[in-house]
Amino acid sequence: MRRLLGILCLLLVTIAPARAADTMSGIVFVVIDGDTVLFKPDSYGAASRAFLKLRLANIDAPEKDQPYGEAATRALSALVLNQRVDVTTVATDFYGRTIAQIQAGDVQVNTELVRRGLAWASRKAAMKKIQRDAQQAARGLWREAAPMPPWVWRREHAN
């Protein structure tokens, strides 16, 4: 049931109107999986132990125990771990995670994971085109004949 609620929340975040975007800079200090990180904004101050759990907007990466899950996690780590990034918030999900776009230098990280074939795109037309390009080039998980979307994987492997 919890997994079903999570899927519904992801869908709502995808279609819900975004609140005013908030942009901040800081450091990603933990990569949890291919689309979730822990981020410490500069505004929290050096002595603060506070942080934000960020879920990357407009993508869904394979689960860690799913094919390409570890590859997505490694790719996200290479792009952002212990790096200064700019984060633009989009919303807050049911679990209290901040849904955000992450920019690491010149790289739009959310888009880059889809381009590399390591995440599924949301319904946004621009992201879907990037996903189609990855599929046609057989990059990442698109090397597989029928890769299983993470939302199906979660449903089939729910505890």
Protein backbone atom coordinates (compact mmCIF):
# COMPACT_ATOMS: atom_id res chain seq x y z
CA MET A 1 0.00 0.00 0.00
CA ARG A 2 2.87 2.37 0.86
CA ARG A 3 4.42 1.79 -2.57
CA LEU A 4 1.10 2.52 -4.27
CA LEU A 5 0.83 5.79 -2.35
CA GLY A 6 4.39 6.64 -3.41
CA ILE A 7 3.55 6.05 -7.06
CA LEU A 8 0.42 8.17 -6.80
CA CYS A 9 2.40 10.95 -5.13
CA LEU A 10 5.00 10.87 -7.91
CA LEU A 11 2.22 11.20 -10.44
CA LEU A 12 0.69 14.09 -8.51
CA VAL A 13 4.04 15.86 -8.27
CA THR A 14 4.47 15.42 -12.02
CA ILE A 15 1.09 16.99 -12.79
CA ALA A 16 0.66 19.31 -9.81
CA PRO A 17 1.29 22.99 -10.42
CA ALA A 18 4.73 23.95 -9.22
CA ARG A 19 5.08 26.40 -6.39
CA ALA A 20 7.30 29.37 -6.96
CA ALA A 21 10.75 28.07 -7.83
CA ASP A 22 13.38 28.53 -5.16
CA THR A 23 17.00 28.41 -6.30
CA MET A 24 19.88 27.72 -3.95
CA SER A 25 23.48 26.59 -4.08
CA GLY A 26 25.24 24.06 -1.92
CA ILE A 27 26.90 20.66 -1.74
CA VAL A 28 25.51 17.19 -2.41
CA PHE A 29 27.05 15.06 0.33
CA VAL A 30 25.19 11.75 -0.14
CA VAL A 31 23.76 10.01 -3.21
CA ILE A 32 21.06 7.62 -2.05
CA ASP A 33 20.11 6.17 -5.43
CA GLY A 34 19.83 7.20 -9.06
CA ASP A 35 17.35 10.00 -8.41
CA THR A 36 17.67 10.95 -4.72
CA VAL A 37 20.41 12.88 -2.91
CA LEU A 38 21.10 14.66 0.38
CA PHE A 39 21.96 18.32 -0.13
CA LYS A 40 23.27 20.99 2.22
CA PRO A 41 22.38 24.49 1.04
CA ASP A 42 24.96 27.21 1.63
CA SER A 43 22.26 29.23 3.39
CA TYR A 44 22.14 26.69 6.25
CA GLY A 45 25.60 27.73 7.44
CA ALA A 46 28.73 25.69 8.05
CA ALA A 47 27.85 24.70 11.63
CA SER A 48 24.34 23.52 10.77
CA ARG A 49 23.60 19.82 10.57
CA ALA A 50 20.41 20.46 8.62
CA PHE A 51 20.04 19.26 5.05
CA LEU A 52 17.43 18.61 2.36
CA LYS A 53 16.53 15.27 0.83
CA LEU A 54 16.14 15.97 -2.88
CA ARG A 55 14.28 13.86 -5.42
CA LEU A 56 15.22 14.74 -8.99
CA ALA A 57 12.26 16.22 -10.85
CA ASN A 58 10.83 14.81 -14.07
CA ILE A 59 12.75 11.52 -13.98
CA ASP A 60 12.48 8.08 -12.40
CA ALA A 61 15.70 6.06 -12.19
CA PRO A 62 15.82 2.28 -11.75
CA GLU A 63 15.77 1.04 -8.16
CA LYS A 64 19.16 0.01 -6.73
CA ASP A 65 18.31 -3.71 -6.89
CA GLN A 66 16.91 -3.36 -10.40
CA PRO A 67 19.02 -3.72 -13.55
CA TYR A 68 20.84 -0.42 -14.18
CA GLY A 69 19.99 0.82 -10.67
CA GLU A 70 23.61 0.75 -9.54
CA ALA A 71 24.74 2.28 -12.84
CA ALA A 72 22.28 5.17 -12.34
CA THR A 73 23.51 5.67 -8.78
CA ARG A 74 27.17 5.67 -9.90
CA ALA A 75 26.42 8.14 -12.70
CA LEU A 76 24.59 10.50 -10.37
CA SER A 77 27.45 10.22 -7.86
CA ALA A 78 30.01 11.07 -10.55
CA LEU A 79 27.99 14.14 -11.53
CA VAL A 80 27.17 15.61 -8.10
CA LEU A 81 28.72 13.87 -5.08
CA ASN A 82 30.77 16.35 -3.01
CA GLN A 83 30.20 18.91 -5.76
CA ARG A 84 28.84 22.43 -5.57
CA VAL A 85 25.52 22.48 -7.40
CA ASP A 86 22.60 24.79 -8.01
CA VAL A 87 19.19 23.45 -7.09
CA THR A 88 15.85 24.76 -8.31
CA THR A 89 12.96 23.43 -6.29
CA VAL A 90 9.77 22.39 -8.03
CA ALA A 91 7.59 20.97 -5.24
CA THR A 92 7.58 18.87 -2.06
CA ASP A 93 6.37 15.29 -2.28
CA PHE A 94 4.30 13.16 0.09
CA TYR A 95 7.45 11.97 1.87
CA GLY A 96 8.71 15.52 2.51
CA ARG A 97 11.41 15.34 -0.14
CA THR A 98 12.11 18.46 -2.12
CA ILE A 99 11.52 17.80 -5.81
CA ALA A 100 14.18 19.67 -7.75
CA GLN A 101 16.25 20.27 -10.83
CA ILE A 102 20.00 20.04 -10.21
CA GLN A 103 22.56 21.97 -12.22
CA ALA A 104 26.23 20.93 -11.84
CA GLY A 105 28.32 23.44 -13.76
CA ASP A 106 27.08 23.32 -17.35
CA VAL A 107 25.26 19.99 -16.85
CA GLN A 108 21.52 19.81 -16.17
CA VAL A 109 21.75 16.60 -14.14
CA ASN A 110 18.14 15.39 -14.43
CA THR A 111 18.27 15.66 -18.22
CA GLU A 112 21.75 14.11 -18.38
CA LEU A 113 20.59 10.92 -16.63
CA VAL A 114 17.81 10.51 -19.21
CA ARG A 115 20.25 11.28 -22.06
CA ARG A 116 22.57 8.53 -20.80
CA GLY A 117 19.69 6.06 -20.69
CA LEU A 118 19.80 5.76 -16.91
CA ALA A 119 16.35 7.14 -16.07
CA TRP A 120 12.87 7.33 -17.50
CA ALA A 121 11.57 10.77 -18.42
CA SER A 122 8.39 12.38 -17.19
CA ARG A 123 5.66 13.40 -19.55
CA LYS A 124 7.36 16.69 -20.44
CA ALA A 125 7.78 16.76 -24.22
CA ALA A 126 11.42 17.90 -24.16
CA MET A 127 12.37 15.12 -21.73
CA LYS A 128 10.48 12.52 -23.77
CA LYS A 129 12.44 13.52 -26.86
CA ILE A 130 15.71 13.06 -24.96
CA GLN A 131 14.49 9.63 -23.83
CA ARG A 132 13.57 8.66 -27.42
CA ASP A 133 17.07 9.69 -28.54
CA ALA A 134 18.60 7.47 -25.82
CA GLN A 135 16.33 4.60 -26.86
CA GLN A 136 17.26 4.94 -30.53
CA ALA A 137 20.96 5.04 -29.62
CA ALA A 138 20.52 2.03 -27.28
CA ARG A 139 22.20 3.88 -24.41
CA GLY A 140 22.11 2.52 -20.86
CA LEU A 141 19.01 0.56 -19.96
CA TRP A 142 17.74 0.93 -23.51
CA ARG A 143 20.22 -1.79 -24.52
CA GLU A 144 17.70 -4.21 -23.04
CA ALA A 145 14.85 -5.51 -25.21
CA ALA A 146 12.18 -4.58 -22.67
CA PRO A 147 13.52 -2.68 -19.65
CA MET A 148 11.11 -2.64 -16.73
CA PRO A 149 10.10 0.84 -15.57
CA PRO A 150 10.89 1.50 -11.90
CA TRP A 151 7.24 2.09 -10.99
CA VAL A 152 6.42 -1.43 -12.27
CA TRP A 153 9.48 -2.87 -10.49
CA ARG A 154 8.40 -1.28 -7.20
CA ARG A 155 4.88 -2.65 -7.57
CA GLU A 156 6.12 -6.16 -8.35
CA HIS A 157 8.73 -6.14 -5.56
CA ALA A 158 6.66 -4.49 -2.82
CA ASN A 159 7.21 -5.96 0.61
